[in-house]
Amino acid sequence: MKKKVLKFLLTLVLAAVGFFVVTFTVYMFNLDMKATSLLAPLLEKWYDRLPRKQYI
């Protein structure tokens, strides 16, 4: 029973450290905004094709 708890805690700690490393890397290299800048032209093209109802 004790081994299962320790193994679970070790897995939980490793998952938390892995999550931290990934999010820290995204933060340090500003990868979220770089991905957004790559997707912006595609999203703008899609958004410009949507029909609009404009009432003034």
C-alpha atoms as a PDB file:
ATOM      1  CA  MET A   1       0.000   0.000   0.000  1.00  0.00           C
ATOM      2  CA  LYS A   2       2.802   2.383   0.891  1.00  0.00           C
ATOM      3  CA  LYS A   3       4.590   1.712  -2.401  1.00  0.00           C
ATOM      4  CA  LYS A   4       1.453   2.548  -4.371  1.00  0.00           C
ATOM      5  CA  VAL A   5       1.084   5.876  -2.592  1.00  0.00           C
ATOM      6  CA  LEU A   6       4.761   6.732  -3.129  1.00  0.00           C
ATOM      7  CA  LYS A   7       4.554   5.744  -6.786  1.00  0.00           C
ATOM      8  CA  PHE A   8       1.433   7.877  -7.214  1.00  0.00           C
ATOM      9  CA  LEU A   9       3.085  10.855  -5.511  1.00  0.00           C
ATOM     10  CA  LEU A  10       6.201  10.451  -7.650  1.00  0.00           C
ATOM     11  CA  THR A  11       4.062  10.366 -10.792  1.00  0.00           C
ATOM     12  CA  LEU A  12       2.165  13.437  -9.626  1.00  0.00           C
ATOM     13  CA  VAL A  13       5.383  15.356  -8.895  1.00  0.00           C
ATOM     14  CA  LEU A  14       6.911  14.389 -12.251  1.00  0.00           C
ATOM     15  CA  ALA A  15       3.758  15.472 -14.072  1.00  0.00           C
ATOM     16  CA  ALA A  16       3.784  18.814 -12.230  1.00  0.00           C
ATOM     17  CA  VAL A  17       7.460  19.391 -13.043  1.00  0.00           C
ATOM     18  CA  GLY A  18       6.856  18.492 -16.685  1.00  0.00           C
ATOM     19  CA  PHE A  19       3.905  20.864 -16.856  1.00  0.00           C
ATOM     20  CA  PHE A  20       6.009  23.631 -15.326  1.00  0.00           C
ATOM     21  CA  VAL A  21       8.863  23.066 -17.789  1.00  0.00           C
ATOM     22  CA  VAL A  22       6.515  23.211 -20.777  1.00  0.00           C
ATOM     23  CA  THR A  23       4.691  26.342 -19.613  1.00  0.00           C
ATOM     24  CA  PHE A  24       7.961  28.044 -18.652  1.00  0.00           C
ATOM     25  CA  THR A  25       9.395  27.335 -22.104  1.00  0.00           C
ATOM     26  CA  VAL A  26       6.276  28.754 -23.767  1.00  0.00           C
ATOM     27  CA  TYR A  27       6.532  31.841 -21.572  1.00  0.00           C
ATOM     28  CA  MET A  28      10.267  32.437 -22.085  1.00  0.00           C
ATOM     29  CA  PHE A  29      10.180  32.132 -25.866  1.00  0.00           C
ATOM     30  CA  ASN A  30       6.766  33.845 -26.258  1.00  0.00           C
ATOM     31  CA  LEU A  31       5.547  30.845 -28.245  1.00  0.00           C
ATOM     32  CA  ASP A  32       1.872  31.581 -27.686  1.00  0.00           C
ATOM     33  CA  MET A  33       2.060  34.897 -29.549  1.00  0.00           C
ATOM     34  CA  LYS A  34       4.230  33.393 -32.271  1.00  0.00           C
ATOM     35  CA  ALA A  35       1.587  30.711 -32.855  1.00  0.00           C
ATOM     36  CA  THR A  36      -1.109  33.391 -32.866  1.00  0.00           C
ATOM     37  CA  SER A  37       0.763  35.417 -35.477  1.00  0.00           C
ATOM     38  CA  LEU A  38       0.994  32.325 -37.691  1.00  0.00           C
ATOM     39  CA  LEU A  39      -2.724  31.600 -37.351  1.00  0.00           C
ATOM     40  CA  ALA A  40      -3.928  35.213 -37.710  1.00  0.00           C
ATOM     41  CA  PRO A  41      -4.040  35.310 -41.552  1.00  0.00           C
ATOM     42  CA  LEU A  42      -6.039  32.082 -41.671  1.00  0.00           C
ATOM     43  CA  LEU A  43      -8.470  33.280 -39.020  1.00  0.00           C
ATOM     44  CA  GLU A  44      -8.868  36.664 -40.697  1.00  0.00           C
ATOM     45  CA  LYS A  45      -9.626  35.008 -44.028  1.00  0.00           C
ATOM     46  CA  TRP A  46     -12.271  32.826 -42.384  1.00  0.00           C
ATOM     47  CA  TYR A  47     -13.757  35.716 -40.427  1.00  0.00           C
ATOM     48  CA  ASP A  48     -13.976  37.970 -43.501  1.00  0.00           C
ATOM     49  CA  ARG A  49     -16.096  35.350 -45.322  1.00  0.00           C
ATOM     50  CA  LEU A  50     -18.797  35.280 -42.632  1.00  0.00           C
ATOM     51  CA  PRO A  51     -22.088  36.886 -43.625  1.00  0.00           C
ATOM     52  CA  ARG A  52     -22.968  39.956 -41.590  1.00  0.00           C
ATOM     53  CA  LYS A  53     -26.204  41.568 -40.572  1.00  0.00           C
ATOM     54  CA  GLN A  54     -25.576  45.257 -40.187  1.00  0.00           C
ATOM     55  CA  TYR A  55     -28.388  47.408 -38.948  1.00  0.00           C
ATOM     56  CA  ILE A  56     -27.733  51.103 -38.528  1.00  0.00           C
END
